[in-house]
Protein backbone atom coordinates (compact mmCIF):
# COMPACT_ATOMS: atom_id res chain seq x y z
CA UNK A 1 0.00 0.00 0.00
CA UNK A 2 1.24 3.47 -0.84
CA UNK A 3 2.72 5.03 2.30
CA UNK A 4 0.93 8.37 1.75
CA UNK A 5 -2.45 6.67 1.29
CA UNK A 6 -1.83 4.53 4.38
CA UNK A 7 -0.85 7.61 6.39
CA UNK A 8 -4.08 9.41 5.39
CA UNK A 9 -6.23 6.39 6.24
CA UNK A 10 -4.38 5.83 9.54
CA UNK A 11 -4.85 9.47 10.56
CA UNK A 12 -8.49 9.42 9.44
CA UNK A 13 -9.15 6.35 11.60
CA UNK A 14 -7.28 8.01 14.47
CA UNK A 15 -9.36 11.18 14.23
CA UNK A 16 -12.55 9.13 13.92
CA UNK A 17 -11.99 7.15 17.12
CA UNK A 18 -10.49 10.11 18.98
CA UNK A 19 -13.61 12.18 18.25
CA UNK A 20 -16.01 9.44 19.36
CA UNK A 21 -13.90 8.65 22.42
CA UNK A 22 -13.87 12.28 23.50
CA UNK A 23 -17.58 12.54 22.68
CA UNK A 24 -18.28 10.08 25.50
CA UNK A 25 -16.73 12.54 28.00
CA UNK A 26 -17.49 15.89 26.33
CA UNK A 27 -20.70 15.55 24.29
CA UNK A 28 -20.07 17.31 20.96
CA UNK A 29 -22.46 15.26 18.85
CA UNK A 30 -26.08 14.88 19.91
CA UNK A 31 -26.80 11.17 19.77
CA UNK A 32 -30.40 11.61 20.92
CA UNK A 33 -32.02 9.93 23.88
CA UNK A 34 -31.85 6.12 23.64
CA UNK A 35 -35.11 4.19 23.87
CA UNK A 36 -36.15 0.56 24.25
CA UNK A 37 -33.43 -2.07 23.92
CA UNK A 38 -30.82 0.59 23.13
CA UNK A 39 -31.55 2.35 26.44
CA UNK A 40 -31.30 -0.95 28.31
CA UNK A 41 -28.02 -1.80 26.60
CA UNK A 42 -26.46 1.62 27.26
CA UNK A 43 -27.78 1.58 30.83
CA UNK A 44 -25.94 -1.68 31.48
CA UNK A 45 -22.74 -0.41 29.83
CA UNK A 46 -22.88 2.84 31.78
CA UNK A 47 -23.55 1.24 35.16
CA UNK A 48 -20.52 -1.04 34.80
CA UNK A 49 -18.28 1.80 33.52
CA UNK A 50 -17.70 -0.17 30.30
CA UNK A 51 -18.40 2.91 28.18
CA UNK A 52 -15.69 4.78 30.09
CA UNK A 53 -13.22 2.00 29.33
CA UNK A 54 -14.23 2.00 25.66
CA UNK A 55 -13.80 5.80 25.53
CA UNK A 56 -10.31 5.54 27.03
CA UNK A 57 -9.35 2.83 24.52
CA UNK A 58 -10.70 4.95 21.66
CA UNK A 59 -8.79 8.04 22.82
CA UNK A 60 -5.52 6.13 23.30
CA UNK A 61 -5.92 4.36 19.95
CA UNK A 62 -6.74 7.61 18.19
CA UNK A 63 -3.68 9.39 19.55
CA UNK A 64 -1.46 6.38 18.80
CA UNK A 65 -2.71 6.16 15.21
CA UNK A 66 -2.42 9.90 14.59
CA UNK A 67 1.18 10.02 15.85
CA UNK A 68 2.05 6.51 14.56
CA UNK A 69 3.27 5.33 17.97
CA UNK A 70 2.16 1.80 18.83
CA UNK A 71 -0.30 2.09 15.92
CA UNK A 72 -0.05 -1.59 14.98
CA UNK A 73 -0.89 -2.65 18.54
CA UNK A 74 -3.73 -0.16 18.87
CA UNK A 75 -5.20 -1.23 15.52
CA UNK A 76 -5.51 -4.79 16.89
CA UNK A 77 -7.02 -3.58 20.17
CA UNK A 78 -9.38 -1.25 18.30
CA UNK A 79 -10.67 -4.17 16.25
CA UNK A 80 -12.73 -5.34 19.24
CA UNK A 81 -14.34 -1.91 19.50
CA UNK A 82 -15.02 -1.88 15.74
CA UNK A 83 -16.66 -5.32 15.69
CA UNK A 84 -18.78 -4.53 18.76
CA UNK A 85 -19.88 -1.19 17.29
CA UNK A 86 -20.93 -2.95 14.10
CA UNK A 87 -22.77 -5.69 15.98
CA UNK A 88 -24.58 -3.11 18.11
CA UNK A 89 -25.69 -1.03 15.14
CA UNK A 90 -26.68 -3.94 12.92
CA UNK A 91 -28.81 -5.54 15.64
CA UNK A 92 -30.18 -2.58 17.63
CA UNK A 93 -29.81 0.51 15.44
CA UNK A 94 -29.58 -0.53 11.77
CA UNK A 95 -30.54 2.90 10.45
CA UNK A 96 -27.34 4.38 11.88
CA UNK A 97 -24.90 1.58 11.01
CA UNK A 98 -22.95 3.50 8.32
CA UNK A 99 -20.46 4.94 10.84
CA UNK A 100 -19.79 1.51 12.35
CA UNK A 101 -19.25 0.04 8.89
CA UNK A 102 -16.83 2.86 8.05
CA UNK A 103 -14.99 2.28 11.34
CA UNK A 104 -14.61 -1.44 10.64
CA UNK A 105 -13.47 -0.89 7.04
CA UNK A 106 -10.90 1.74 8.08
CA UNK A 107 -9.67 -0.53 10.85
CA UNK A 108 -9.24 -3.48 8.46
CA UNK A 109 -7.35 -1.29 5.97
CA UNK A 110 -5.04 -0.06 8.75
CA UNK A 111 -4.45 -3.65 9.89
CA UNK A 112 -3.50 -4.55 6.31
CA UNK A 113 -1.20 -1.53 6.19
CA UNK A 114 0.58 -2.74 9.32
CA UNK A 115 0.74 -6.37 8.11
CA UNK A 116 4.56 -6.41 8.11
CA UNK A 117 4.54 -5.64 11.84
CA UNK A 118 2.51 -8.79 12.53
CA UNK A 119 4.87 -11.30 10.87
CA UNK A 120 6.43 -12.54 14.11
CA UNK A 121 3.07 -12.63 15.84
CA UNK A 122 1.56 -14.82 13.13
CA UNK A 123 4.52 -17.18 12.60
C-alpha atoms as a PDB file:
ATOM      1  CA  UNK A   1       0.000   0.000   0.000  1.00  0.00           C
ATOM      2  CA  UNK A   2       1.238   3.468  -0.840  1.00  0.00           C
ATOM      3  CA  UNK A   3       2.716   5.033   2.302  1.00  0.00           C
ATOM      4  CA  UNK A   4       0.927   8.370   1.749  1.00  0.00           C
ATOM      5  CA  UNK A   5      -2.451   6.675   1.294  1.00  0.00           C
ATOM      6  CA  UNK A   6      -1.834   4.531   4.379  1.00  0.00           C
ATOM      7  CA  UNK A   7      -0.851   7.615   6.385  1.00  0.00           C
ATOM      8  CA  UNK A   8      -4.076   9.415   5.393  1.00  0.00           C
ATOM      9  CA  UNK A   9      -6.235   6.385   6.245  1.00  0.00           C
ATOM     10  CA  UNK A  10      -4.375   5.834   9.538  1.00  0.00           C
ATOM     11  CA  UNK A  11      -4.845   9.472  10.565  1.00  0.00           C
ATOM     12  CA  UNK A  12      -8.486   9.418   9.441  1.00  0.00           C
ATOM     13  CA  UNK A  13      -9.146   6.350  11.605  1.00  0.00           C
ATOM     14  CA  UNK A  14      -7.277   8.013  14.475  1.00  0.00           C
ATOM     15  CA  UNK A  15      -9.357  11.183  14.233  1.00  0.00           C
ATOM     16  CA  UNK A  16     -12.555   9.128  13.917  1.00  0.00           C
ATOM     17  CA  UNK A  17     -11.991   7.149  17.117  1.00  0.00           C
ATOM     18  CA  UNK A  18     -10.490  10.109  18.979  1.00  0.00           C
ATOM     19  CA  UNK A  19     -13.611  12.180  18.248  1.00  0.00           C
ATOM     20  CA  UNK A  20     -16.010   9.439  19.361  1.00  0.00           C
ATOM     21  CA  UNK A  21     -13.904   8.650  22.421  1.00  0.00           C
ATOM     22  CA  UNK A  22     -13.869  12.285  23.499  1.00  0.00           C
ATOM     23  CA  UNK A  23     -17.581  12.536  22.681  1.00  0.00           C
ATOM     24  CA  UNK A  24     -18.282  10.084  25.505  1.00  0.00           C
ATOM     25  CA  UNK A  25     -16.731  12.543  28.003  1.00  0.00           C
ATOM     26  CA  UNK A  26     -17.493  15.889  26.328  1.00  0.00           C
ATOM     27  CA  UNK A  27     -20.698  15.546  24.287  1.00  0.00           C
ATOM     28  CA  UNK A  28     -20.071  17.306  20.962  1.00  0.00           C
ATOM     29  CA  UNK A  29     -22.463  15.256  18.850  1.00  0.00           C
ATOM     30  CA  UNK A  30     -26.080  14.879  19.909  1.00  0.00           C
ATOM     31  CA  UNK A  31     -26.798  11.168  19.768  1.00  0.00           C
ATOM     32  CA  UNK A  32     -30.397  11.608  20.921  1.00  0.00           C
ATOM     33  CA  UNK A  33     -32.023   9.927  23.882  1.00  0.00           C
ATOM     34  CA  UNK A  34     -31.855   6.117  23.640  1.00  0.00           C
ATOM     35  CA  UNK A  35     -35.113   4.190  23.872  1.00  0.00           C
ATOM     36  CA  UNK A  36     -36.154   0.557  24.254  1.00  0.00           C
ATOM     37  CA  UNK A  37     -33.432  -2.068  23.916  1.00  0.00           C
ATOM     38  CA  UNK A  38     -30.818   0.587  23.132  1.00  0.00           C
ATOM     39  CA  UNK A  39     -31.548   2.349  26.438  1.00  0.00           C
ATOM     40  CA  UNK A  40     -31.301  -0.948  28.309  1.00  0.00           C
ATOM     41  CA  UNK A  41     -28.015  -1.800  26.604  1.00  0.00           C
ATOM     42  CA  UNK A  42     -26.455   1.615  27.260  1.00  0.00           C
ATOM     43  CA  UNK A  43     -27.777   1.582  30.826  1.00  0.00           C
ATOM     44  CA  UNK A  44     -25.940  -1.682  31.482  1.00  0.00           C
ATOM     45  CA  UNK A  45     -22.742  -0.411  29.827  1.00  0.00           C
ATOM     46  CA  UNK A  46     -22.881   2.841  31.785  1.00  0.00           C
ATOM     47  CA  UNK A  47     -23.553   1.239  35.162  1.00  0.00           C
ATOM     48  CA  UNK A  48     -20.515  -1.035  34.803  1.00  0.00           C
ATOM     49  CA  UNK A  49     -18.276   1.801  33.522  1.00  0.00           C
ATOM     50  CA  UNK A  50     -17.698  -0.170  30.302  1.00  0.00           C
ATOM     51  CA  UNK A  51     -18.400   2.908  28.182  1.00  0.00           C
ATOM     52  CA  UNK A  52     -15.695   4.784  30.092  1.00  0.00           C
ATOM     53  CA  UNK A  53     -13.219   2.001  29.325  1.00  0.00           C
ATOM     54  CA  UNK A  54     -14.232   2.005  25.656  1.00  0.00           C
ATOM     55  CA  UNK A  55     -13.803   5.796  25.533  1.00  0.00           C
ATOM     56  CA  UNK A  56     -10.313   5.542  27.025  1.00  0.00           C
ATOM     57  CA  UNK A  57      -9.350   2.827  24.521  1.00  0.00           C
ATOM     58  CA  UNK A  58     -10.696   4.948  21.658  1.00  0.00           C
ATOM     59  CA  UNK A  59      -8.790   8.036  22.816  1.00  0.00           C
ATOM     60  CA  UNK A  60      -5.523   6.134  23.298  1.00  0.00           C
ATOM     61  CA  UNK A  61      -5.919   4.362  19.949  1.00  0.00           C
ATOM     62  CA  UNK A  62      -6.744   7.615  18.186  1.00  0.00           C
ATOM     63  CA  UNK A  63      -3.679   9.394  19.552  1.00  0.00           C
ATOM     64  CA  UNK A  64      -1.464   6.378  18.803  1.00  0.00           C
ATOM     65  CA  UNK A  65      -2.706   6.163  15.207  1.00  0.00           C
ATOM     66  CA  UNK A  66      -2.420   9.901  14.586  1.00  0.00           C
ATOM     67  CA  UNK A  67       1.180  10.019  15.850  1.00  0.00           C
ATOM     68  CA  UNK A  68       2.048   6.514  14.559  1.00  0.00           C
ATOM     69  CA  UNK A  69       3.266   5.328  17.972  1.00  0.00           C
ATOM     70  CA  UNK A  70       2.161   1.797  18.825  1.00  0.00           C
ATOM     71  CA  UNK A  71      -0.300   2.088  15.923  1.00  0.00           C
ATOM     72  CA  UNK A  72      -0.049  -1.594  14.980  1.00  0.00           C
ATOM     73  CA  UNK A  73      -0.891  -2.652  18.543  1.00  0.00           C
ATOM     74  CA  UNK A  74      -3.734  -0.162  18.872  1.00  0.00           C
ATOM     75  CA  UNK A  75      -5.203  -1.234  15.517  1.00  0.00           C
ATOM     76  CA  UNK A  76      -5.513  -4.788  16.885  1.00  0.00           C
ATOM     77  CA  UNK A  77      -7.019  -3.584  20.173  1.00  0.00           C
ATOM     78  CA  UNK A  78      -9.376  -1.250  18.300  1.00  0.00           C
ATOM     79  CA  UNK A  79     -10.669  -4.167  16.247  1.00  0.00           C
ATOM     80  CA  UNK A  80     -12.730  -5.345  19.241  1.00  0.00           C
ATOM     81  CA  UNK A  81     -14.342  -1.906  19.496  1.00  0.00           C
ATOM     82  CA  UNK A  82     -15.025  -1.878  15.742  1.00  0.00           C
ATOM     83  CA  UNK A  83     -16.657  -5.320  15.692  1.00  0.00           C
ATOM     84  CA  UNK A  84     -18.776  -4.530  18.762  1.00  0.00           C
ATOM     85  CA  UNK A  85     -19.878  -1.192  17.294  1.00  0.00           C
ATOM     86  CA  UNK A  86     -20.934  -2.948  14.099  1.00  0.00           C
ATOM     87  CA  UNK A  87     -22.772  -5.690  15.984  1.00  0.00           C
ATOM     88  CA  UNK A  88     -24.585  -3.105  18.110  1.00  0.00           C
ATOM     89  CA  UNK A  89     -25.689  -1.030  15.141  1.00  0.00           C
ATOM     90  CA  UNK A  90     -26.683  -3.935  12.916  1.00  0.00           C
ATOM     91  CA  UNK A  91     -28.808  -5.537  15.636  1.00  0.00           C
ATOM     92  CA  UNK A  92     -30.177  -2.580  17.632  1.00  0.00           C
ATOM     93  CA  UNK A  93     -29.813   0.508  15.442  1.00  0.00           C
ATOM     94  CA  UNK A  94     -29.579  -0.527  11.771  1.00  0.00           C
ATOM     95  CA  UNK A  95     -30.542   2.905  10.453  1.00  0.00           C
ATOM     96  CA  UNK A  96     -27.336   4.378  11.882  1.00  0.00           C
ATOM     97  CA  UNK A  97     -24.903   1.579  11.011  1.00  0.00           C
ATOM     98  CA  UNK A  98     -22.952   3.505   8.324  1.00  0.00           C
ATOM     99  CA  UNK A  99     -20.460   4.935  10.840  1.00  0.00           C
ATOM    100  CA  UNK A 100     -19.791   1.513  12.353  1.00  0.00           C
ATOM    101  CA  UNK A 101     -19.250   0.042   8.890  1.00  0.00           C
ATOM    102  CA  UNK A 102     -16.830   2.865   8.049  1.00  0.00           C
ATOM    103  CA  UNK A 103     -14.990   2.279  11.338  1.00  0.00           C
ATOM    104  CA  UNK A 104     -14.607  -1.437  10.639  1.00  0.00           C
ATOM    105  CA  UNK A 105     -13.472  -0.891   7.039  1.00  0.00           C
ATOM    106  CA  UNK A 106     -10.902   1.739   8.077  1.00  0.00           C
ATOM    107  CA  UNK A 107      -9.665  -0.532  10.852  1.00  0.00           C
ATOM    108  CA  UNK A 108      -9.235  -3.477   8.458  1.00  0.00           C
ATOM    109  CA  UNK A 109      -7.355  -1.287   5.972  1.00  0.00           C
ATOM    110  CA  UNK A 110      -5.041  -0.063   8.746  1.00  0.00           C
ATOM    111  CA  UNK A 111      -4.449  -3.648   9.890  1.00  0.00           C
ATOM    112  CA  UNK A 112      -3.504  -4.550   6.313  1.00  0.00           C
ATOM    113  CA  UNK A 113      -1.202  -1.526   6.188  1.00  0.00           C
ATOM    114  CA  UNK A 114       0.581  -2.744   9.316  1.00  0.00           C
ATOM    115  CA  UNK A 115       0.744  -6.373   8.115  1.00  0.00           C
ATOM    116  CA  UNK A 116       4.557  -6.408   8.113  1.00  0.00           C
ATOM    117  CA  UNK A 117       4.539  -5.636  11.839  1.00  0.00           C
ATOM    118  CA  UNK A 118       2.507  -8.785  12.531  1.00  0.00           C
ATOM    119  CA  UNK A 119       4.874 -11.298  10.869  1.00  0.00           C
ATOM    120  CA  UNK A 120       6.432 -12.539  14.107  1.00  0.00           C
ATOM    121  CA  UNK A 121       3.072 -12.634  15.838  1.00  0.00           C
ATOM    122  CA  UNK A 122       1.564 -14.819  13.133  1.00  0.00           C
ATOM    123  CA  UNK A 123       4.518 -17.179  12.595  1.00  0.00           C
END
